[in-house]
Full PDB file with SEQRES, HELIX, SHEET, SSBOND, CRYST1, ORIGX, SCALE, CONECT and MASTER records, all heavy atoms in Angstrom:
SEQRES   1 A   42  ALA GLU ALA GLY GLY TYR GLY VAL VAL PHE GLY ASN LYS          
SEQRES   2 A   42  LEU THR ARG SER GLN LYS GLU GLU PHE ILE ALA MET ILE          
SEQRES   3 A   42  LYS ALA GLU PRO ARG ARG PHE ILE ALA GLN GLU VAL ILE          
SEQRES   4 A   42  ASP PHE GLN                                                  
HELIX    1 AA1 GLY A   11  LYS A   13  5                                   3    
HELIX    2 AA2 ARG A   16  ALA A   28  1                                  13    
HELIX    3 AA3 PRO A   30  ARG A   32  5                                   3    
CRYST1    1.000    1.000    1.000  90.00  90.00  90.00 P 1           1          
ORIGX1      1.000000  0.000000  0.000000        0.00000                         
ORIGX2      0.000000  1.000000  0.000000        0.00000                         
ORIGX3      0.000000  0.000000  1.000000        0.00000                         
SCALE1      1.000000  0.000000  0.000000        0.00000                         
SCALE2      0.000000  1.000000  0.000000        0.00000                         
SCALE3      0.000000  0.000000  1.000000        0.00000                         
ATOM      1  N   ALA A   1     -10.199  -0.155  -5.074  1.00  0.00           N  
ATOM      2  CA  ALA A   1     -11.649  -0.146  -4.882  1.00  0.00           C  
ATOM      3  C   ALA A   1     -12.078   0.537  -3.590  1.00  0.00           C  
ATOM      4  O   ALA A   1     -13.272   0.679  -3.329  1.00  0.00           O  
ATOM      5  CB  ALA A   1     -12.184  -1.580  -4.897  1.00  0.00           C  
ATOM      6  N   GLU A   2     -11.117   0.955  -2.777  1.00  0.00           N  
ATOM      7  CA  GLU A   2     -11.457   1.578  -1.496  1.00  0.00           C  
ATOM      8  C   GLU A   2     -11.648   3.082  -1.667  1.00  0.00           C  
ATOM      9  O   GLU A   2     -11.213   3.682  -2.645  1.00  0.00           O  
ATOM     10  CB  GLU A   2     -10.366   1.305  -0.461  1.00  0.00           C  
ATOM     11  CG  GLU A   2     -10.259  -0.156  -0.054  1.00  0.00           C  
ATOM     12  CD  GLU A   2     -11.340  -0.582   0.920  1.00  0.00           C  
ATOM     13  OE1 GLU A   2     -12.196   0.258   1.259  1.00  0.00           O  
ATOM     14  OE2 GLU A   2     -11.337  -1.742   1.345  1.00  0.00           O  
ATOM     15  N   ALA A   3     -12.279   3.701  -0.663  1.00  0.00           N  
ATOM     16  CA  ALA A   3     -12.500   5.148  -0.673  1.00  0.00           C  
ATOM     17  C   ALA A   3     -12.512   5.643   0.767  1.00  0.00           C  
ATOM     18  O   ALA A   3     -12.447   4.861   1.711  1.00  0.00           O  
ATOM     19  CB  ALA A   3     -13.816   5.487  -1.372  1.00  0.00           C  
ATOM     20  N   GLY A   4     -12.575   6.970   0.918  1.00  0.00           N  
ATOM     21  CA  GLY A   4     -12.683   7.558   2.246  1.00  0.00           C  
ATOM     22  C   GLY A   4     -11.431   7.448   3.085  1.00  0.00           C  
ATOM     23  O   GLY A   4     -11.499   7.514   4.316  1.00  0.00           O  
ATOM     24  N   GLY A   5     -10.267   7.281   2.435  1.00  0.00           N  
ATOM     25  CA  GLY A   5      -9.025   7.152   3.191  1.00  0.00           C  
ATOM     26  C   GLY A   5      -8.731   5.743   3.640  1.00  0.00           C  
ATOM     27  O   GLY A   5      -7.675   5.482   4.236  1.00  0.00           O  
ATOM     28  N   TYR A   6      -9.644   4.810   3.353  1.00  0.00           N  
ATOM     29  CA  TYR A   6      -9.404   3.407   3.694  1.00  0.00           C  
ATOM     30  C   TYR A   6      -8.552   2.754   2.603  1.00  0.00           C  
ATOM     31  O   TYR A   6      -8.559   3.178   1.456  1.00  0.00           O  
ATOM     32  CB  TYR A   6     -10.734   2.658   3.842  1.00  0.00           C  
ATOM     33  CG  TYR A   6     -11.572   3.156   4.995  1.00  0.00           C  
ATOM     34  CD1 TYR A   6     -12.620   4.045   4.779  1.00  0.00           C  
ATOM     35  CD2 TYR A   6     -11.304   2.764   6.306  1.00  0.00           C  
ATOM     36  CE1 TYR A   6     -13.393   4.519   5.831  1.00  0.00           C  
ATOM     37  CE2 TYR A   6     -12.064   3.229   7.359  1.00  0.00           C  
ATOM     38  CZ  TYR A   6     -13.112   4.106   7.121  1.00  0.00           C  
ATOM     39  OH  TYR A   6     -13.856   4.570   8.172  1.00  0.00           O  
ATOM     40  N   GLY A   7      -7.824   1.725   2.966  1.00  0.00           N  
ATOM     41  CA  GLY A   7      -7.004   1.009   1.996  1.00  0.00           C  
ATOM     42  C   GLY A   7      -5.767   1.755   1.572  1.00  0.00           C  
ATOM     43  O   GLY A   7      -5.188   1.440   0.530  1.00  0.00           O  
ATOM     44  N   VAL A   8      -5.351   2.759   2.352  1.00  0.00           N  
ATOM     45  CA  VAL A   8      -4.148   3.533   2.047  1.00  0.00           C  
ATOM     46  C   VAL A   8      -3.044   3.127   3.016  1.00  0.00           C  
ATOM     47  O   VAL A   8      -3.223   3.185   4.235  1.00  0.00           O  
ATOM     48  CB  VAL A   8      -4.405   5.044   2.159  1.00  0.00           C  
ATOM     49  CG1 VAL A   8      -3.123   5.836   1.910  1.00  0.00           C  
ATOM     50  CG2 VAL A   8      -5.501   5.476   1.186  1.00  0.00           C  
ATOM     51  N   VAL A   9      -1.894   2.715   2.479  1.00  0.00           N  
ATOM     52  CA  VAL A   9      -0.800   2.210   3.309  1.00  0.00           C  
ATOM     53  C   VAL A   9       0.497   2.892   2.885  1.00  0.00           C  
ATOM     54  O   VAL A   9       0.828   2.926   1.689  1.00  0.00           O  
ATOM     55  CB  VAL A   9      -0.647   0.677   3.153  1.00  0.00           C  
ATOM     56  CG1 VAL A   9       0.589   0.183   3.887  1.00  0.00           C  
ATOM     57  CG2 VAL A   9      -1.895  -0.034   3.665  1.00  0.00           C  
ATOM     58  N   PHE A  10       1.216   3.438   3.843  1.00  0.00           N  
ATOM     59  CA  PHE A  10       2.536   4.015   3.580  1.00  0.00           C  
ATOM     60  C   PHE A  10       3.585   2.941   3.832  1.00  0.00           C  
ATOM     61  O   PHE A  10       3.656   2.369   4.939  1.00  0.00           O  
ATOM     62  CB  PHE A  10       2.773   5.231   4.472  1.00  0.00           C  
ATOM     63  CG  PHE A  10       1.963   6.433   4.076  1.00  0.00           C  
ATOM     64  CD1 PHE A  10       0.648   6.561   4.484  1.00  0.00           C  
ATOM     65  CD2 PHE A  10       2.512   7.411   3.256  1.00  0.00           C  
ATOM     66  CE1 PHE A  10      -0.116   7.664   4.102  1.00  0.00           C  
ATOM     67  CE2 PHE A  10       1.756   8.517   2.868  1.00  0.00           C  
ATOM     68  CZ  PHE A  10       0.442   8.640   3.294  1.00  0.00           C  
ATOM     69  N   GLY A  11       4.382   2.657   2.801  1.00  0.00           N  
ATOM     70  CA  GLY A  11       5.347   1.570   2.890  1.00  0.00           C  
ATOM     71  C   GLY A  11       6.279   1.682   4.075  1.00  0.00           C  
ATOM     72  O   GLY A  11       6.611   0.674   4.719  1.00  0.00           O  
ATOM     73  N   ASN A  12       6.707   2.900   4.400  1.00  0.00           N  
ATOM     74  CA  ASN A  12       7.678   3.067   5.493  1.00  0.00           C  
ATOM     75  C   ASN A  12       7.058   2.956   6.876  1.00  0.00           C  
ATOM     76  O   ASN A  12       7.770   3.017   7.880  1.00  0.00           O  
ATOM     77  CB  ASN A  12       8.418   4.402   5.347  1.00  0.00           C  
ATOM     78  CG  ASN A  12       7.497   5.601   5.438  1.00  0.00           C  
ATOM     79  OD1 ASN A  12       6.290   5.467   5.648  1.00  0.00           O  
ATOM     80  ND2 ASN A  12       8.063   6.776   5.258  1.00  0.00           N  
ATOM     81  N   LYS A  13       5.736   2.802   6.951  1.00  0.00           N  
ATOM     82  CA  LYS A  13       5.068   2.661   8.250  1.00  0.00           C  
ATOM     83  C   LYS A  13       4.851   1.205   8.643  1.00  0.00           C  
ATOM     84  O   LYS A  13       4.398   0.918   9.748  1.00  0.00           O  
ATOM     85  CB  LYS A  13       3.714   3.376   8.223  1.00  0.00           C  
ATOM     86  CG  LYS A  13       3.774   4.869   7.914  1.00  0.00           C  
ATOM     87  CD  LYS A  13       4.456   5.656   9.014  1.00  0.00           C  
ATOM     88  CE  LYS A  13       4.398   7.167   8.733  1.00  0.00           C  
ATOM     89  NZ  LYS A  13       5.109   7.953   9.756  1.00  0.00           N  
ATOM     90  N   LEU A  14       5.164   0.276   7.735  1.00  0.00           N  
ATOM     91  CA  LEU A  14       4.903  -1.142   7.998  1.00  0.00           C  
ATOM     92  C   LEU A  14       6.086  -1.801   8.690  1.00  0.00           C  
ATOM     93  O   LEU A  14       7.249  -1.455   8.446  1.00  0.00           O  
ATOM     94  CB  LEU A  14       4.616  -1.869   6.685  1.00  0.00           C  
ATOM     95  CG  LEU A  14       3.397  -1.407   5.884  1.00  0.00           C  
ATOM     96  CD1 LEU A  14       3.259  -2.254   4.621  1.00  0.00           C  
ATOM     97  CD2 LEU A  14       2.126  -1.475   6.712  1.00  0.00           C  
ATOM     98  N   THR A  15       5.778  -2.766   9.541  1.00  0.00           N  
ATOM     99  CA  THR A  15       6.827  -3.595  10.123  1.00  0.00           C  
ATOM    100  C   THR A  15       7.332  -4.553   9.044  1.00  0.00           C  
ATOM    101  O   THR A  15       6.738  -4.672   7.962  1.00  0.00           O  
ATOM    102  CB  THR A  15       6.294  -4.406  11.302  1.00  0.00           C  
ATOM    103  OG1 THR A  15       5.303  -5.337  10.811  1.00  0.00           O  
ATOM    104  CG2 THR A  15       5.658  -3.503  12.354  1.00  0.00           C  
ATOM    105  N   ARG A  16       8.397  -5.226   9.344  1.00  0.00           N  
ATOM    106  CA  ARG A  16       8.971  -6.146   8.356  1.00  0.00           C  
ATOM    107  C   ARG A  16       7.961  -7.223   7.955  1.00  0.00           C  
ATOM    108  O   ARG A  16       7.795  -7.522   6.772  1.00  0.00           O  
ATOM    109  CB  ARG A  16      10.232  -6.795   8.925  1.00  0.00           C  
ATOM    110  CG  ARG A  16      10.924  -7.731   7.945  1.00  0.00           C  
ATOM    111  CD  ARG A  16      12.230  -8.252   8.513  1.00  0.00           C  
ATOM    112  NE  ARG A  16      12.870  -9.183   7.605  1.00  0.00           N  
ATOM    113  CZ  ARG A  16      14.047  -9.770   7.838  1.00  0.00           C  
ATOM    114  NH1 ARG A  16      14.705  -9.487   8.954  1.00  0.00           N  
ATOM    115  NH2 ARG A  16      14.560 -10.607   6.961  1.00  0.00           N  
ATOM    116  N   SER A  17       7.265  -7.787   8.945  1.00  0.00           N  
ATOM    117  CA  SER A  17       6.309  -8.859   8.632  1.00  0.00           C  
ATOM    118  C   SER A  17       5.102  -8.301   7.869  1.00  0.00           C  
ATOM    119  O   SER A  17       4.580  -8.955   6.955  1.00  0.00           O  
ATOM    120  CB  SER A  17       5.845  -9.551   9.917  1.00  0.00           C  
ATOM    121  OG  SER A  17       5.201  -8.640  10.790  1.00  0.00           O  
ATOM    122  N   GLN A  18       4.657  -7.104   8.245  1.00  0.00           N  
ATOM    123  CA  GLN A  18       3.546  -6.487   7.524  1.00  0.00           C  
ATOM    124  C   GLN A  18       3.930  -6.195   6.070  1.00  0.00           C  
ATOM    125  O   GLN A  18       3.131  -6.379   5.159  1.00  0.00           O  
ATOM    126  CB  GLN A  18       3.121  -5.189   8.216  1.00  0.00           C  
ATOM    127  CG  GLN A  18       2.403  -5.390   9.536  1.00  0.00           C  
ATOM    128  CD  GLN A  18       2.193  -4.072  10.273  1.00  0.00           C  
ATOM    129  OE1 GLN A  18       2.969  -3.121  10.132  1.00  0.00           O  
ATOM    130  NE2 GLN A  18       1.129  -4.008  11.059  1.00  0.00           N  
ATOM    131  N   LYS A  19       5.163  -5.735   5.882  1.00  0.00           N  
ATOM    132  CA  LYS A  19       5.649  -5.450   4.536  1.00  0.00           C  
ATOM    133  C   LYS A  19       5.660  -6.725   3.700  1.00  0.00           C  
ATOM    134  O   LYS A  19       5.207  -6.736   2.547  1.00  0.00           O  
ATOM    135  CB  LYS A  19       7.054  -4.846   4.615  1.00  0.00           C  
ATOM    136  CG  LYS A  19       7.690  -4.572   3.267  1.00  0.00           C  
ATOM    137  CD  LYS A  19       9.070  -3.954   3.435  1.00  0.00           C  
ATOM    138  CE  LYS A  19       9.790  -3.799   2.111  1.00  0.00           C  
ATOM    139  NZ  LYS A  19      11.134  -3.189   2.260  1.00  0.00           N  
ATOM    140  N   GLU A  20       6.160  -7.813   4.261  1.00  0.00           N  
ATOM    141  CA  GLU A  20       6.201  -9.082   3.529  1.00  0.00           C  
ATOM    142  C   GLU A  20       4.800  -9.549   3.164  1.00  0.00           C  
ATOM    143  O   GLU A  20       4.555 -10.033   2.046  1.00  0.00           O  
ATOM    144  CB  GLU A  20       6.918 -10.141   4.370  1.00  0.00           C  
ATOM    145  CG  GLU A  20       8.416  -9.868   4.530  1.00  0.00           C  
ATOM    146  CD  GLU A  20       9.075 -10.837   5.499  1.00  0.00           C  
ATOM    147  OE1 GLU A  20       8.332 -11.599   6.162  1.00  0.00           O  
ATOM    148  OE2 GLU A  20      10.322 -10.827   5.609  1.00  0.00           O  
ATOM    149  N   GLU A  21       3.877  -9.381   4.095  1.00  0.00           N  
ATOM    150  CA  GLU A  21       2.487  -9.782   3.850  1.00  0.00           C  
ATOM    151  C   GLU A  21       1.860  -8.937   2.752  1.00  0.00           C  
ATOM    152  O   GLU A  21       1.158  -9.453   1.873  1.00  0.00           O  
ATOM    153  CB  GLU A  21       1.688  -9.653   5.147  1.00  0.00           C  
ATOM    154  CG  GLU A  21       0.235 -10.096   5.034  1.00  0.00           C  
ATOM    155  CD  GLU A  21      -0.507  -9.964   6.347  1.00  0.00           C  
ATOM    156  OE1 GLU A  21       0.151  -9.772   7.389  1.00  0.00           O  
ATOM    157  OE2 GLU A  21      -1.755 -10.041   6.325  1.00  0.00           O  
ATOM    158  N   PHE A  22       2.135  -7.631   2.774  1.00  0.00           N  
ATOM    159  CA  PHE A  22       1.547  -6.731   1.786  1.00  0.00           C  
ATOM    160  C   PHE A  22       2.117  -7.007   0.398  1.00  0.00           C  
ATOM    161  O   PHE A  22       1.383  -7.025  -0.600  1.00  0.00           O  
ATOM    162  CB  PHE A  22       1.799  -5.274   2.183  1.00  0.00           C  
ATOM    163  CG  PHE A  22       0.808  -4.311   1.592  1.00  0.00           C  
ATOM    164  CD1 PHE A  22      -0.304  -3.905   2.299  1.00  0.00           C  
ATOM    165  CD2 PHE A  22       0.979  -3.837   0.303  1.00  0.00           C  
ATOM    166  CE1 PHE A  22      -1.225  -3.035   1.745  1.00  0.00           C  
ATOM    167  CE2 PHE A  22       0.065  -2.963  -0.262  1.00  0.00           C  
ATOM    168  CZ  PHE A  22      -1.042  -2.561   0.464  1.00  0.00           C  
ATOM    169  N   ILE A  23       3.404  -7.226   0.321  1.00  0.00           N  
ATOM    170  CA  ILE A  23       4.034  -7.527  -0.967  1.00  0.00           C  
ATOM    171  C   ILE A  23       3.461  -8.819  -1.548  1.00  0.00           C  
ATOM    172  O   ILE A  23       3.231  -8.926  -2.759  1.00  0.00           O  
ATOM    173  CB  ILE A  23       5.564  -7.604  -0.810  1.00  0.00           C  
ATOM    174  CG1 ILE A  23       6.130  -6.187  -0.613  1.00  0.00           C  
ATOM    175  CG2 ILE A  23       6.208  -8.266  -2.022  1.00  0.00           C  
ATOM    176  CD1 ILE A  23       7.611  -6.140  -0.310  1.00  0.00           C  
ATOM    177  N   ALA A  24       3.202  -9.786  -0.672  1.00  0.00           N  
ATOM    178  CA  ALA A  24       2.595 -11.043  -1.136  1.00  0.00           C  
ATOM    179  C   ALA A  24       1.213 -10.784  -1.736  1.00  0.00           C  
ATOM    180  O   ALA A  24       0.840 -11.381  -2.758  1.00  0.00           O  
ATOM    181  CB  ALA A  24       2.504 -12.030   0.018  1.00  0.00           C  
ATOM    182  N   MET A  25       0.453  -9.868  -1.123  1.00  0.00           N  
ATOM    183  CA  MET A  25      -0.868  -9.528  -1.664  1.00  0.00           C  
ATOM    184  C   MET A  25      -0.748  -8.846  -3.018  1.00  0.00           C  
ATOM    185  O   MET A  25      -1.524  -9.122  -3.939  1.00  0.00           O  
ATOM    186  CB  MET A  25      -1.618  -8.604  -0.695  1.00  0.00           C  
ATOM    187  CG  MET A  25      -2.187  -9.302   0.529  1.00  0.00           C  
ATOM    188  SD  MET A  25      -3.437  -8.287   1.378  1.00  0.00           S  
ATOM    189  CE  MET A  25      -2.463  -6.867   1.862  1.00  0.00           C  
ATOM    190  N   ILE A  26       0.220  -7.947  -3.147  1.00  0.00           N  
ATOM    191  CA  ILE A  26       0.413  -7.252  -4.429  1.00  0.00           C  
ATOM    192  C   ILE A  26       0.761  -8.247  -5.520  1.00  0.00           C  
ATOM    193  O   ILE A  26       0.245  -8.181  -6.645  1.00  0.00           O  
ATOM    194  CB  ILE A  26       1.521  -6.185  -4.301  1.00  0.00           C  
ATOM    195  CG1 ILE A  26       1.088  -5.067  -3.362  1.00  0.00           C  
ATOM    196  CG2 ILE A  26       1.872  -5.603  -5.669  1.00  0.00           C  
ATOM    197  CD1 ILE A  26       2.171  -4.053  -3.071  1.00  0.00           C  
ATOM    198  N   LYS A  27       1.635  -9.189  -5.224  1.00  0.00           N  
ATOM    199  CA  LYS A  27       2.025 -10.190  -6.218  1.00  0.00           C  
ATOM    200  C   LYS A  27       0.854 -11.090  -6.590  1.00  0.00           C  
ATOM    201  O   LYS A  27       0.720 -11.503  -7.752  1.00  0.00           O  
ATOM    202  CB  LYS A  27       3.184 -11.021  -5.687  1.00  0.00           C  
ATOM    203  CG  LYS A  27       4.500 -10.254  -5.606  1.00  0.00           C  
ATOM    204  CD  LYS A  27       5.615 -11.146  -5.079  1.00  0.00           C  
ATOM    205  CE  LYS A  27       6.958 -10.430  -5.087  1.00  0.00           C  
ATOM    206  NZ  LYS A  27       8.044 -11.296  -4.555  1.00  0.00           N  
ATOM    207  N   ALA A  28       0.007 -11.392  -5.604  1.00  0.00           N  
ATOM    208  CA  ALA A  28      -1.126 -12.282  -5.857  1.00  0.00           C  
ATOM    209  C   ALA A  28      -2.246 -11.563  -6.619  1.00  0.00           C  
ATOM    210  O   ALA A  28      -2.940 -12.167  -7.437  1.00  0.00           O  
ATOM    211  CB  ALA A  28      -1.666 -12.828  -4.536  1.00  0.00           C  
ATOM    212  N   GLU A  29      -2.424 -10.253  -6.338  1.00  0.00           N  
ATOM    213  CA  GLU A  29      -3.505  -9.489  -6.955  1.00  0.00           C  
ATOM    214  C   GLU A  29      -2.979  -8.147  -7.479  1.00  0.00           C  
ATOM    215  O   GLU A  29      -3.315  -7.094  -6.942  1.00  0.00           O  
ATOM    216  CB  GLU A  29      -4.630  -9.229  -5.951  1.00  0.00           C  
ATOM    217  CG  GLU A  29      -5.278 -10.465  -5.363  1.00  0.00           C  
ATOM    218  CD  GLU A  29      -6.360 -10.101  -4.361  1.00  0.00           C  
ATOM    219  OE1 GLU A  29      -7.497  -9.827  -4.808  1.00  0.00           O  
ATOM    220  OE2 GLU A  29      -6.073 -10.052  -3.165  1.00  0.00           O  
ATOM    221  N   PRO A  30      -2.170  -8.154  -8.508  1.00  0.00           N  
ATOM    222  CA  PRO A  30      -1.553  -6.899  -8.976  1.00  0.00           C  
ATOM    223  C   PRO A  30      -2.563  -5.885  -9.496  1.00  0.00           C  
ATOM    224  O   PRO A  30      -2.303  -4.685  -9.475  1.00  0.00           O  
ATOM    225  CB  PRO A  30      -0.596  -7.366 -10.078  1.00  0.00           C  
ATOM    226  CG  PRO A  30      -1.114  -8.696 -10.506  1.00  0.00           C  
ATOM    227  CD  PRO A  30      -1.697  -9.321  -9.286  1.00  0.00           C  
ATOM    228  N   ARG A  31      -3.729  -6.342  -9.963  1.00  0.00           N  
ATOM    229  CA  ARG A  31      -4.767  -5.419 -10.447  1.00  0.00           C  
ATOM    230  C   ARG A  31      -5.406  -4.644  -9.296  1.00  0.00           C  
ATOM    231  O   ARG A  31      -6.024  -3.604  -9.504  1.00  0.00           O  
ATOM    232  CB  ARG A  31      -5.838  -6.214 -11.211  1.00  0.00           C  
ATOM    233  CG  ARG A  31      -7.092  -5.440 -11.626  1.00  0.00           C  
ATOM    234  CD  ARG A  31      -6.780  -4.327 -12.590  1.00  0.00           C  
ATOM    235  NE  ARG A  31      -7.961  -3.626 -13.072  1.00  0.00           N  
ATOM    236  CZ  ARG A  31      -8.576  -2.636 -12.440  1.00  0.00           C  
ATOM    237  NH1 ARG A  31      -8.140  -2.241 -11.252  1.00  0.00           N  
ATOM    238  NH2 ARG A  31      -9.625  -2.020 -12.985  1.00  0.00           N  
ATOM    239  N   ARG A  32      -5.240  -5.116  -8.094  1.00  0.00           N  
ATOM    240  CA  ARG A  32      -5.953  -4.551  -6.943  1.00  0.00           C  
ATOM    241  C   ARG A  32      -5.312  -3.287  -6.396  1.00  0.00           C  
ATOM    242  O   ARG A  32      -5.963  -2.529  -5.669  1.00  0.00           O  
ATOM    243  CB  ARG A  32      -6.027  -5.620  -5.844  1.00  0.00           C  
ATOM    244  CG  ARG A  32      -6.741  -5.188  -4.591  1.00  0.00           C  
ATOM    245  CD  ARG A  32      -6.744  -6.297  -3.554  1.00  0.00           C  
ATOM    246  NE  ARG A  32      -7.118  -5.807  -2.240  1.00  0.00           N  
ATOM    247  CZ  ARG A  32      -7.080  -6.519  -1.117  1.00  0.00           C  
ATOM    248  NH1 ARG A  32      -6.691  -7.789  -1.175  1.00  0.00           N  
ATOM    249  NH2 ARG A  32      -7.430  -5.984   0.037  1.00  0.00           N  
ATOM    250  N   PHE A  33      -4.043  -3.012  -6.748  1.00  0.00           N  
ATOM    251  CA  PHE A  33      -3.319  -1.923  -6.092  1.00  0.00           C  
ATOM    252  C   PHE A  33      -2.668  -0.969  -7.091  1.00  0.00           C  
ATOM    253  O   PHE A  33      -2.314  -1.357  -8.209  1.00  0.00           O  
ATOM    254  CB  PHE A  33      -2.220  -2.497  -5.181  1.00  0.00           C  
ATOM    255  CG  PHE A  33      -2.734  -3.388  -4.090  1.00  0.00           C  
ATOM    256  CD1 PHE A  33      -2.762  -4.768  -4.256  1.00  0.00           C  
ATOM    257  CD2 PHE A  33      -3.199  -2.847  -2.900  1.00  0.00           C  
ATOM    258  CE1 PHE A  33      -3.234  -5.600  -3.257  1.00  0.00           C  
ATOM    259  CE2 PHE A  33      -3.679  -3.673  -1.891  1.00  0.00           C  
ATOM    260  CZ  PHE A  33      -3.700  -5.053  -2.060  1.00  0.00           C  
ATOM    261  N   ILE A  34      -2.520   0.273  -6.642  1.00  0.00           N  
ATOM    262  CA  ILE A  34      -1.618   1.206  -7.301  1.00  0.00           C  
ATOM    263  C   ILE A  34      -0.614   1.676  -6.252  1.00  0.00           C  
ATOM    264  O   ILE A  34      -0.837   1.538  -5.041  1.00  0.00           O  
ATOM    265  CB  ILE A  34      -2.337   2.433  -7.905  1.00  0.00           C  
ATOM    266  CG1 ILE A  34      -2.996   3.287  -6.812  1.00  0.00           C  
ATOM    267  CG2 ILE A  34      -3.320   2.024  -8.971  1.00  0.00           C  
ATOM    268  CD1 ILE A  34      -3.494   4.630  -7.291  1.00  0.00           C  
ATOM    269  N   ALA A  35       0.491   2.209  -6.726  1.00  0.00           N  
ATOM    270  CA  ALA A  35       1.498   2.798  -5.833  1.00  0.00           C  
ATOM    271  C   ALA A  35       1.808   4.204  -6.334  1.00  0.00           C  
ATOM    272  O   ALA A  35       1.839   4.444  -7.552  1.00  0.00           O  
ATOM    273  CB  ALA A  35       2.762   1.950  -5.818  1.00  0.00           C  
ATOM    274  N   GLN A  36       1.996   5.117  -5.409  1.00  0.00           N  
ATOM    275  CA  GLN A  36       2.288   6.499  -5.777  1.00  0.00           C  
ATOM    276  C   GLN A  36       3.464   7.033  -4.978  1.00  0.00           C  
ATOM    277  O   GLN A  36       3.698   6.613  -3.833  1.00  0.00           O  
ATOM    278  CB  GLN A  36       1.062   7.400  -5.520  1.00  0.00           C  
ATOM    279  CG  GLN A  36      -0.114   7.101  -6.424  1.00  0.00           C  
ATOM    280  CD  GLN A  36      -1.309   7.992  -6.123  1.00  0.00           C  
ATOM    281  OE1 GLN A  36      -1.590   8.309  -4.976  1.00  0.00           O  
ATOM    282  NE2 GLN A  36      -2.021   8.394  -7.163  1.00  0.00           N  
ATOM    283  N   GLU A  37       4.176   7.955  -5.605  1.00  0.00           N  
ATOM    284  CA  GLU A  37       5.196   8.687  -4.868  1.00  0.00           C  
ATOM    285  C   GLU A  37       4.502   9.510  -3.785  1.00  0.00           C  
ATOM    286  O   GLU A  37       3.400  10.021  -3.989  1.00  0.00           O  
ATOM    287  CB  GLU A  37       5.975   9.616  -5.795  1.00  0.00           C  
ATOM    288  CG  GLU A  37       6.655   8.932  -6.971  1.00  0.00           C  
ATOM    289  CD  GLU A  37       7.880   8.130  -6.579  1.00  0.00           C  
ATOM    290  OE1 GLU A  37       8.291   8.210  -5.399  1.00  0.00           O  
ATOM    291  OE2 GLU A  37       8.432   7.435  -7.454  1.00  0.00           O  
ATOM    292  N   VAL A  38       5.137   9.629  -2.644  1.00  0.00           N  
ATOM    293  CA  VAL A  38       4.575  10.432  -1.559  1.00  0.00           C  
ATOM    294  C   VAL A  38       4.854  11.903  -1.858  1.00  0.00           C  
ATOM    295  O   VAL A  38       6.011  12.320  -1.916  1.00  0.00           O  
ATOM    296  CB  VAL A  38       5.172  10.040  -0.197  1.00  0.00           C  
ATOM    297  CG1 VAL A  38       4.584  10.923   0.912  1.00  0.00           C  
ATOM    298  CG2 VAL A  38       4.914   8.562   0.097  1.00  0.00           C  
ATOM    299  N   ILE A  39       3.782  12.656  -2.077  1.00  0.00           N  
ATOM    300  CA  ILE A  39       3.923  14.085  -2.355  1.00  0.00           C  
ATOM    301  C   ILE A  39       3.885  14.842  -1.031  1.00  0.00           C  
ATOM    302  O   ILE A  39       2.925  14.709  -0.258  1.00  0.00           O  
ATOM    303  CB  ILE A  39       2.808  14.581  -3.279  1.00  0.00           C  
ATOM    304  CG1 ILE A  39       2.909  13.879  -4.644  1.00  0.00           C  
ATOM    305  CG2 ILE A  39       2.871  16.102  -3.459  1.00  0.00           C  
ATOM    306  CD1 ILE A  39       1.753  14.167  -5.551  1.00  0.00           C  
ATOM    307  N   ASP A  40       4.919  15.611  -0.780  1.00  0.00           N  
ATOM    308  CA  ASP A  40       4.931  16.436   0.427  1.00  0.00           C  
ATOM    309  C   ASP A  40       4.092  17.672   0.133  1.00  0.00           C  
ATOM    310  O   ASP A  40       4.592  18.735  -0.215  1.00  0.00           O  
ATOM    311  CB  ASP A  40       6.366  16.827   0.794  1.00  0.00           C  
ATOM    312  CG  ASP A  40       6.439  17.525   2.147  1.00  0.00           C  
ATOM    313  OD1 ASP A  40       5.430  17.501   2.880  1.00  0.00           O  
ATOM    314  OD2 ASP A  40       7.494  18.094   2.466  1.00  0.00           O  
ATOM    315  N   PHE A  41       2.768  17.491   0.278  1.00  0.00           N  
ATOM    316  CA  PHE A  41       1.895  18.554  -0.184  1.00  0.00           C  
ATOM    317  C   PHE A  41       1.690  19.633   0.871  1.00  0.00           C  
ATOM    318  O   PHE A  41       2.117  19.514   2.016  1.00  0.00           O  
ATOM    319  CB  PHE A  41       0.570  18.006  -0.723  1.00  0.00           C  
ATOM    320  CG  PHE A  41      -0.249  17.169   0.231  1.00  0.00           C  
ATOM    321  CD1 PHE A  41      -1.206  17.745   1.043  1.00  0.00           C  
ATOM    322  CD2 PHE A  41      -0.098  15.783   0.263  1.00  0.00           C  
ATOM    323  CE1 PHE A  41      -1.990  16.981   1.888  1.00  0.00           C  
ATOM    324  CE2 PHE A  41      -0.883  15.005   1.094  1.00  0.00           C  
ATOM    325  CZ  PHE A  41      -1.825  15.608   1.926  1.00  0.00           C  
ATOM    326  N   GLN A  42       1.028  20.662   0.426  1.00  0.00           N  
ATOM    327  CA  GLN A  42       0.937  21.918   1.152  1.00  0.00           C  
ATOM    328  C   GLN A  42       0.314  21.768   2.540  1.00  0.00           C  
ATOM    329  O   GLN A  42      -0.656  21.042   2.740  1.00  0.00           O  
ATOM    330  CB  GLN A  42       0.099  22.901   0.324  1.00  0.00           C  
ATOM    331  CG  GLN A  42       0.040  24.309   0.850  1.00  0.00           C  
ATOM    332  CD  GLN A  42      -0.827  25.173  -0.049  1.00  0.00           C  
ATOM    333  OE1 GLN A  42      -1.886  24.738  -0.497  1.00  0.00           O  
ATOM    334  NE2 GLN A  42      -0.389  26.387  -0.333  1.00  0.00           N  
TER     335      GLN A  42                                                      
MASTER        0    0    0    3    0    0    0    6  334    1    0    4          
END                                                                             
């Protein structure tokens, strides 16, 4: 539901605790998120 670059998180940029917190959110609200492969774009 976010736009303008907000709500975008790169998995490899999170600390261990942040990662655990984010995964908990995904499990609690799976409809709220999508995940994409990181495209090394032009």
